[in-house]
Structure formats: C-alpha cells, structure tokens
Amino acid sequence: MTTPKYTAREAELYGRVARIDRLATMPQVAYQLLGALGDERTTIARLAAIIQSDPGLTAKMLRLANSAYYGFSTKVTTIDRAVVVIGFIELQLLAVSAGLAEIFDLSRVPAGFDGEALWHHCLGVSWVARELADQAQHASPGEVMVAGLLHDIGKLILATHLAEDYAKVLSAERRGMPYYRAEEEAGLEHARIGYWLAERWNLPEVHSRAILHHHLPLRDTPYLTETCLVFLANRLTKSAGIGLVQQASLADLTVALGETGLSLDQLHSVAQRATEHLPTMLSAWFRILSKEA
C-alpha cells in the first residue's frame, strides 16, 4: 500500500492518531472475524471457534439469540445453534461489530453526538452493501460487507478519540454549515482518518480504498467495484434515514452504476427492503449488544 504525501496539517493529525494507544492494534478476535466475514469459504465451525475463543463475545451472541426479538422457544446454548436462530451472515456481522465496539467507547463522544445512530448507519450500510453485491453478482459479497461496516470508522475515531476537535465540527454543523464542509474546514475529513487507521491495522487494500473513497469513487482507484458498491450502499442507507445521516457532498451515480452494472430499479428494490427490514432489527441488535456481558 502506497503511503500518501501529507500536508503539514495532515501530518500533525496523523501523528496524533498514531499515538492513540488503543488504536495501535485491532483485537485479535475482531481481526479474525473480519477475515472470516470476507471469506466466502468460512464455515459455521470456523466461525464458532473464533467467537468461542472470547467468553464475553460468546455471551453477547447467545444473549442475542435468546432475546425476545427472535422469539425462539427453546434456550440457545451454543454458537452453532445461534447461527440457526440469527443467521450465518448476520451473526458474523454482529460479532465483528461487538469486537470493534470494545475499541470505540461511545460514552466518550462529544455532547449532542449520537453514537448509537452511527453504529446503526455502519451496520445498515454493511447490510445494504452485501445486498447490492449479491445483485451485482460480485464474487465475494462478504468482502464488500466488511468494507461497508468499516466505511465510517474515521467518524468513530473522531467521536471517541479526538472528541474535543470533533466537537468543533459538530458545532459548525449545528450552526448550519453542511457536515462535509465542517470537516473540511477543520481538516478532519473522516475518510482520510479512517484510511490511516486501516493502514495501521494492515487491513486489506480493498477495505482501505473503500474507506478512503466511499464518498467519491474515482475511475482510476484500485478496487473500484467494491468502492462503488459501498458508495451506493451509503447513499441508499442515508436516503432511507437509517442511523446517522450527516450531509455529504453531492456525487454523480454514473461511475458507480456503470462499474457495478446495477440499475436504478435494483437500487430502489434494495432500498425498499432496507427500509422495511433494518430499523427494527438494528434497534434490537444494538440494545442487546450494548449491554455488558
């Protein structure tokens, strides 16, 4: 991965991000789960083994499977059974999210910032990205799903580790400045910051590129198809009002539609399913997973 040249402001900010001890390494379980989610060959046995290596995570997944949301009459006591109740793809996504949530403490966010809504948005984009990848007959929908989950990780860094600086962005937004412009004015573009973290964590380039370009896919960028799918998923999730909706700069859909081969009818169909399916599901997931195991 080529390291970009930084302005003086970017270099100063990069140094501050690099000095955040909790971001130095991704928890091993979360790293393994990201790999499993992006690998279409992942089996239930492999997923169960990863989750069960972390007792806290195991407890969260079993509590979710036994929640009223799923309404299963027999008590679920194993991860193998939880897969049946929750669903294979959904359980992988939730396990990754729970692992990442240990790094980003939402109790530290600036006043007025809705951390729960941000997680709802990231989970929603992840779900929609996989749906779009399936529609586009992508070879690895799980890989796209991971990229969707991580696309706004820069906002998580800003909200939980650079809260004082981020409060100024949020203040400017409240005064009427478009959110993306407030980030630019402060030199705190979340896509760039998320990209830096992806580099520190040595994530696959397909994920780091989607993080960096999820608001504006460029024709010459590596992993353009995956980036375009995340871009479209982000747009659809925001249009559906799912989770945190902060104003982004306008971007033409032409490149993304041409690269993915998706039609507007397909986008509308996925958006409709997301609107009907996601709000209740995400609220239930977050309410249960945010509790202490």
Protein backbone atom coordinates (compact mmCIF):
# COMPACT_ATOMS: atom_id res chain seq x y z
CA MET A 1 0.00 0.00 0.00
CA THR A 2 1.49 3.32 -1.04
CA THR A 3 1.75 5.91 1.74
CA PRO A 4 0.37 9.25 0.51
CA LYS A 5 2.21 12.57 0.95
CA TYR A 6 0.70 14.68 3.73
CA THR A 7 0.26 18.39 4.21
CA ALA A 8 1.61 19.86 7.47
CA ARG A 9 -1.89 19.73 9.00
CA GLU A 10 -2.42 16.12 7.88
CA ALA A 11 1.00 15.09 9.20
CA GLU A 12 0.19 16.63 12.60
CA LEU A 13 -3.19 14.88 12.73
CA TYR A 14 -1.72 11.59 11.51
CA GLY A 15 0.80 11.77 14.35
CA ARG A 16 -1.97 12.26 16.88
CA VAL A 17 -3.93 9.31 15.54
CA ALA A 18 -0.78 7.18 15.54
CA ARG A 19 -0.22 7.97 19.23
CA ILE A 20 -3.62 6.65 20.33
CA ASP A 21 -2.58 3.51 22.15
CA ARG A 22 -5.94 1.75 21.89
CA LEU A 23 -5.80 2.01 18.10
CA ALA A 24 -2.32 0.54 17.79
CA THR A 25 -3.65 -2.94 17.15
CA MET A 26 -7.04 -4.40 16.38
CA PRO A 27 -8.19 -7.00 18.91
CA GLN A 28 -7.23 -10.43 17.61
CA VAL A 29 -10.75 -11.82 17.71
CA ALA A 30 -12.12 -8.86 15.73
CA TYR A 31 -9.31 -9.25 13.17
CA GLN A 32 -10.07 -12.95 12.75
CA LEU A 33 -13.78 -12.24 12.38
CA LEU A 34 -13.15 -9.62 9.70
CA GLY A 35 -11.17 -12.20 7.78
CA ALA A 36 -13.90 -14.79 8.20
CA LEU A 37 -16.62 -12.38 7.09
CA GLY A 38 -14.67 -11.55 3.93
CA ASP A 39 -14.04 -15.22 3.08
CA GLU A 40 -16.90 -16.98 1.32
CA ARG A 41 -15.38 -20.34 2.36
CA THR A 42 -15.93 -19.65 6.06
CA THR A 43 -17.81 -22.48 7.78
CA ILE A 44 -20.06 -22.49 10.83
CA ALA A 45 -17.40 -24.48 12.67
CA ARG A 46 -14.71 -21.87 11.96
CA LEU A 47 -16.99 -19.00 12.96
CA ALA A 48 -17.99 -20.76 16.18
CA ALA A 49 -14.37 -21.45 17.08
CA ILE A 50 -13.42 -17.77 16.68
CA ILE A 51 -16.37 -16.47 18.71
CA GLN A 52 -15.93 -19.07 21.44
CA SER A 53 -12.31 -18.01 21.94
CA ASP A 54 -13.71 -14.85 23.59
CA PRO A 55 -16.09 -15.61 26.52
CA GLY A 56 -17.52 -12.09 26.56
CA LEU A 57 -18.34 -12.18 22.87
CA THR A 58 -19.85 -15.66 23.20
CA ALA A 59 -22.14 -14.40 25.96
CA LYS A 60 -23.30 -11.47 23.82
CA MET A 61 -24.11 -13.70 20.84
CA LEU A 62 -26.03 -16.20 22.99
CA ARG A 63 -27.94 -13.41 24.73
CA LEU A 64 -28.94 -12.05 21.34
CA ALA A 65 -30.09 -15.48 20.11
CA ASN A 66 -32.21 -15.88 23.25
CA SER A 67 -33.75 -12.40 23.04
CA ALA A 68 -37.42 -11.72 22.51
CA TYR A 69 -36.57 -10.26 19.09
CA TYR A 70 -36.02 -13.77 17.68
CA GLY A 71 -38.74 -15.39 19.79
CA PHE A 72 -37.13 -18.83 19.84
CA SER A 73 -38.95 -21.09 22.33
CA THR A 74 -36.00 -23.37 23.23
CA LYS A 75 -32.99 -21.86 25.02
CA VAL A 76 -29.96 -21.43 22.75
CA THR A 77 -26.79 -22.60 24.50
CA THR A 78 -24.24 -22.97 21.67
CA ILE A 79 -22.89 -20.73 18.93
CA ASP A 80 -23.72 -23.40 16.35
CA ARG A 81 -27.36 -23.10 17.36
CA ALA A 82 -27.16 -19.31 17.45
CA VAL A 83 -26.20 -19.40 13.78
CA VAL A 84 -29.51 -21.14 13.02
CA VAL A 85 -31.53 -18.59 15.01
CA ILE A 86 -29.79 -15.37 13.96
CA GLY A 87 -28.45 -16.35 10.53
CA PHE A 88 -24.91 -17.08 9.41
CA ILE A 89 -24.18 -13.75 7.75
CA GLU A 90 -25.89 -11.69 10.43
CA LEU A 91 -24.05 -13.45 13.25
CA GLN A 92 -20.68 -12.79 11.61
CA LEU A 93 -21.53 -9.12 11.17
CA LEU A 94 -22.75 -8.72 14.74
CA ALA A 95 -19.73 -10.50 16.18
CA VAL A 96 -17.36 -8.19 14.28
CA SER A 97 -19.34 -5.16 15.42
CA ALA A 98 -19.24 -6.26 19.04
CA GLY A 99 -15.49 -6.77 18.77
CA LEU A 100 -14.90 -3.33 17.30
CA ALA A 101 -17.18 -1.69 19.86
CA GLU A 102 -14.61 -2.55 22.55
CA ILE A 103 -12.21 -0.07 20.92
CA PHE A 104 -14.66 2.77 20.41
CA ASP A 105 -16.17 3.78 23.74
CA LEU A 106 -19.39 5.65 22.94
CA SER A 107 -19.51 7.13 26.45
CA ARG A 108 -16.65 9.41 25.36
CA VAL A 109 -18.36 11.07 22.39
CA PRO A 110 -18.99 14.85 22.31
CA ALA A 111 -22.25 16.17 23.73
CA GLY A 112 -25.03 16.01 21.19
CA PHE A 113 -23.40 13.31 19.08
CA ASP A 114 -25.50 10.15 18.62
CA GLY A 115 -23.02 7.28 18.74
CA GLU A 116 -25.78 4.67 18.59
CA ALA A 117 -27.07 6.20 15.36
CA LEU A 118 -23.58 5.99 13.87
CA TRP A 119 -23.39 2.27 14.62
CA HIS A 120 -26.87 1.83 13.13
CA HIS A 121 -25.65 3.57 9.99
CA CYS A 122 -22.50 1.43 9.72
CA LEU A 123 -24.44 -1.80 10.23
CA GLY A 124 -27.08 -0.63 7.76
CA VAL A 125 -24.52 0.22 5.08
CA SER A 126 -22.87 -3.15 5.63
CA TRP A 127 -26.17 -4.99 5.15
CA VAL A 128 -27.13 -2.94 2.09
CA ALA A 129 -23.63 -3.33 0.59
CA ARG A 130 -23.94 -7.09 0.72
CA GLU A 131 -27.40 -6.97 -0.85
CA LEU A 132 -26.05 -4.82 -3.69
CA ALA A 133 -23.03 -7.11 -4.09
CA ASP A 134 -25.39 -10.06 -4.47
CA GLN A 135 -27.42 -8.13 -7.06
CA ALA A 136 -24.22 -7.27 -8.94
CA GLN A 137 -23.09 -10.92 -8.76
CA HIS A 138 -19.88 -9.93 -7.03
CA ALA A 139 -17.52 -12.84 -6.37
CA SER A 140 -17.14 -12.00 -2.66
CA PRO A 141 -20.18 -10.26 -1.15
CA GLY A 142 -18.78 -10.79 2.34
CA GLU A 143 -15.73 -8.73 1.46
CA VAL A 144 -17.99 -5.88 0.37
CA MET A 145 -19.98 -6.29 3.57
CA VAL A 146 -16.82 -5.78 5.64
CA ALA A 147 -15.94 -2.67 3.65
CA GLY A 148 -19.43 -1.33 4.32
CA LEU A 149 -19.11 -1.95 8.04
CA LEU A 150 -15.77 -0.13 8.19
CA HIS A 151 -16.50 2.74 5.80
CA ASP A 152 -17.15 5.34 8.54
CA ILE A 153 -14.55 4.13 11.02
CA GLY A 154 -12.93 7.57 10.72
CA LYS A 155 -16.01 9.09 12.38
CA LEU A 156 -15.66 6.61 15.22
CA ILE A 157 -12.08 7.76 15.75
CA LEU A 158 -13.13 11.40 15.69
CA ALA A 159 -16.02 10.88 18.10
CA THR A 160 -14.22 8.69 20.64
CA HIS A 161 -10.53 9.66 20.45
CA LEU A 162 -10.49 13.21 19.06
CA ALA A 163 -13.69 14.39 20.73
CA GLU A 164 -12.54 17.93 21.54
CA ASP A 165 -11.63 18.63 17.92
CA TYR A 166 -14.72 16.88 16.65
CA ALA A 167 -16.97 18.98 18.88
CA LYS A 168 -15.98 22.00 16.76
CA VAL A 169 -17.11 20.19 13.60
CA LEU A 170 -20.44 19.33 15.18
CA SER A 171 -20.85 22.90 16.43
CA ALA A 172 -20.32 24.26 12.92
CA GLU A 173 -22.88 21.76 11.60
CA ARG A 174 -25.43 22.90 14.19
CA ARG A 175 -24.88 26.49 13.05
CA GLY A 176 -25.95 25.46 9.54
CA MET A 177 -22.71 24.51 7.82
CA PRO A 178 -23.01 21.30 5.74
CA TYR A 179 -21.36 18.47 7.64
CA TYR A 180 -18.82 17.63 4.95
CA ARG A 181 -17.82 21.30 4.72
CA ALA A 182 -17.37 21.50 8.51
CA GLU A 183 -14.99 18.52 8.35
CA GLU A 184 -13.04 20.12 5.52
CA GLU A 185 -12.78 23.48 7.31
CA ALA A 186 -11.38 21.74 10.40
CA GLY A 187 -9.06 19.48 8.39
CA LEU A 188 -10.79 16.45 9.90
CA GLU A 189 -12.06 14.51 6.89
CA HIS A 190 -13.24 11.19 8.31
CA ALA A 191 -12.49 9.21 5.15
CA ARG A 192 -8.79 10.16 5.31
CA ILE A 193 -8.58 9.43 9.05
CA GLY A 194 -10.28 6.07 8.58
CA TYR A 195 -7.81 5.24 5.83
CA TRP A 196 -4.90 5.93 8.19
CA LEU A 197 -6.34 3.51 10.73
CA ALA A 198 -6.82 0.87 8.04
CA GLU A 199 -3.12 1.23 7.25
CA ARG A 200 -2.14 0.93 10.92
CA TRP A 201 -4.24 -2.20 11.24
CA ASN A 202 -2.79 -3.58 7.99
CA LEU A 203 -6.26 -4.23 6.59
CA PRO A 204 -6.61 -5.49 3.01
CA GLU A 205 -6.39 -2.69 0.46
CA VAL A 206 -9.92 -3.42 -0.76
CA HIS A 207 -11.18 -2.17 2.61
CA SER A 208 -8.84 0.79 2.96
CA ARG A 209 -9.70 2.05 -0.54
CA ALA A 210 -13.42 1.79 0.11
CA ILE A 211 -12.94 3.73 3.36
CA LEU A 212 -10.95 6.45 1.59
CA HIS A 213 -13.20 6.86 -1.45
CA HIS A 214 -16.68 5.91 -0.19
CA HIS A 215 -17.99 9.43 -0.90
CA LEU A 216 -16.38 9.79 -4.33
CA PRO A 217 -15.25 6.68 -6.21
CA LEU A 218 -12.50 7.56 -8.70
CA ARG A 219 -12.21 5.75 -12.01
CA ASP A 220 -8.52 5.02 -11.55
CA THR A 221 -8.69 3.83 -7.92
CA PRO A 222 -7.88 0.20 -7.07
CA TYR A 223 -10.88 -1.93 -6.10
CA LEU A 224 -13.26 0.41 -7.86
CA THR A 225 -16.16 -2.07 -7.97
CA GLU A 226 -16.10 -2.69 -4.23
CA THR A 227 -15.75 1.03 -3.51
CA CYS A 228 -18.71 1.81 -5.78
CA LEU A 229 -20.87 -0.78 -4.01
CA VAL A 230 -20.08 0.81 -0.63
CA PHE A 231 -20.68 4.29 -2.10
CA LEU A 232 -24.12 3.23 -3.35
CA ALA A 233 -24.94 1.47 -0.07
CA ASN A 234 -24.01 4.60 1.87
CA ARG A 235 -26.24 6.74 -0.34
CA LEU A 236 -29.18 4.34 -0.09
CA THR A 237 -28.89 3.95 3.68
CA LYS A 238 -28.81 7.72 4.18
CA SER A 239 -31.73 8.23 1.81
CA ALA A 240 -33.71 5.69 3.83
CA GLY A 241 -32.94 7.66 7.01
CA ILE A 242 -31.34 4.67 8.72
CA GLY A 243 -28.97 5.64 11.51
CA LEU A 244 -26.88 8.79 11.50
CA VAL A 245 -27.48 10.97 8.44
CA GLN A 246 -24.88 13.71 8.00
CA GLN A 247 -24.77 15.73 4.82
CA ALA A 248 -22.17 14.57 2.29
CA SER A 249 -21.02 16.35 -0.83
CA LEU A 250 -23.02 15.66 -3.96
CA ALA A 251 -21.66 12.94 -6.20
CA ASP A 252 -22.82 11.60 -9.55
CA LEU A 253 -24.02 7.98 -9.60
CA THR A 254 -22.88 7.43 -13.18
CA VAL A 255 -19.48 5.93 -12.38
CA ALA A 256 -20.87 3.65 -9.69
CA LEU A 257 -23.77 2.39 -11.77
CA GLY A 258 -21.56 1.80 -14.78
CA GLU A 259 -18.90 -0.03 -12.76
CA THR A 260 -21.30 -2.28 -10.84
CA GLY A 261 -23.79 -2.87 -13.65
CA LEU A 262 -26.67 -2.15 -11.29
CA SER A 263 -29.85 -0.47 -12.44
CA LEU A 264 -31.88 2.18 -10.66
CA ASP A 265 -34.68 -0.38 -10.28
CA GLN A 266 -32.31 -2.69 -8.43
CA LEU A 267 -31.24 0.16 -6.14
CA HIS A 268 -34.85 1.02 -5.38
CA SER A 269 -35.66 -2.62 -4.62
CA VAL A 270 -32.77 -2.94 -2.14
CA ALA A 271 -33.64 0.42 -0.58
CA GLN A 272 -37.23 -0.69 -0.05
CA ARG A 273 -36.14 -3.93 1.66
CA ALA A 274 -33.73 -1.96 3.85
CA THR A 275 -36.45 0.49 4.88
CA GLU A 276 -38.83 -2.33 5.79
CA HIS A 277 -36.30 -4.63 7.45
CA LEU A 278 -33.46 -2.71 9.06
CA PRO A 279 -34.79 -0.14 11.58
CA THR A 280 -36.43 -2.64 13.94
CA MET A 281 -33.66 -5.19 13.54
CA LEU A 282 -30.87 -2.68 14.18
CA SER A 283 -32.57 -1.28 17.26
CA ALA A 284 -32.93 -4.78 18.72
CA TRP A 285 -29.35 -5.71 17.90
CA PHE A 286 -27.86 -2.57 19.40
CA ARG A 287 -30.00 -2.67 22.54
CA ILE A 288 -28.85 -6.21 23.31
CA LEU A 289 -25.23 -5.97 22.21
CA SER A 290 -24.61 -2.71 24.06
CA LYS A 291 -25.33 -4.38 27.39
CA GLU A 292 -22.45 -5.74 29.43
CA ALA A 293 -21.98 -9.48 29.05
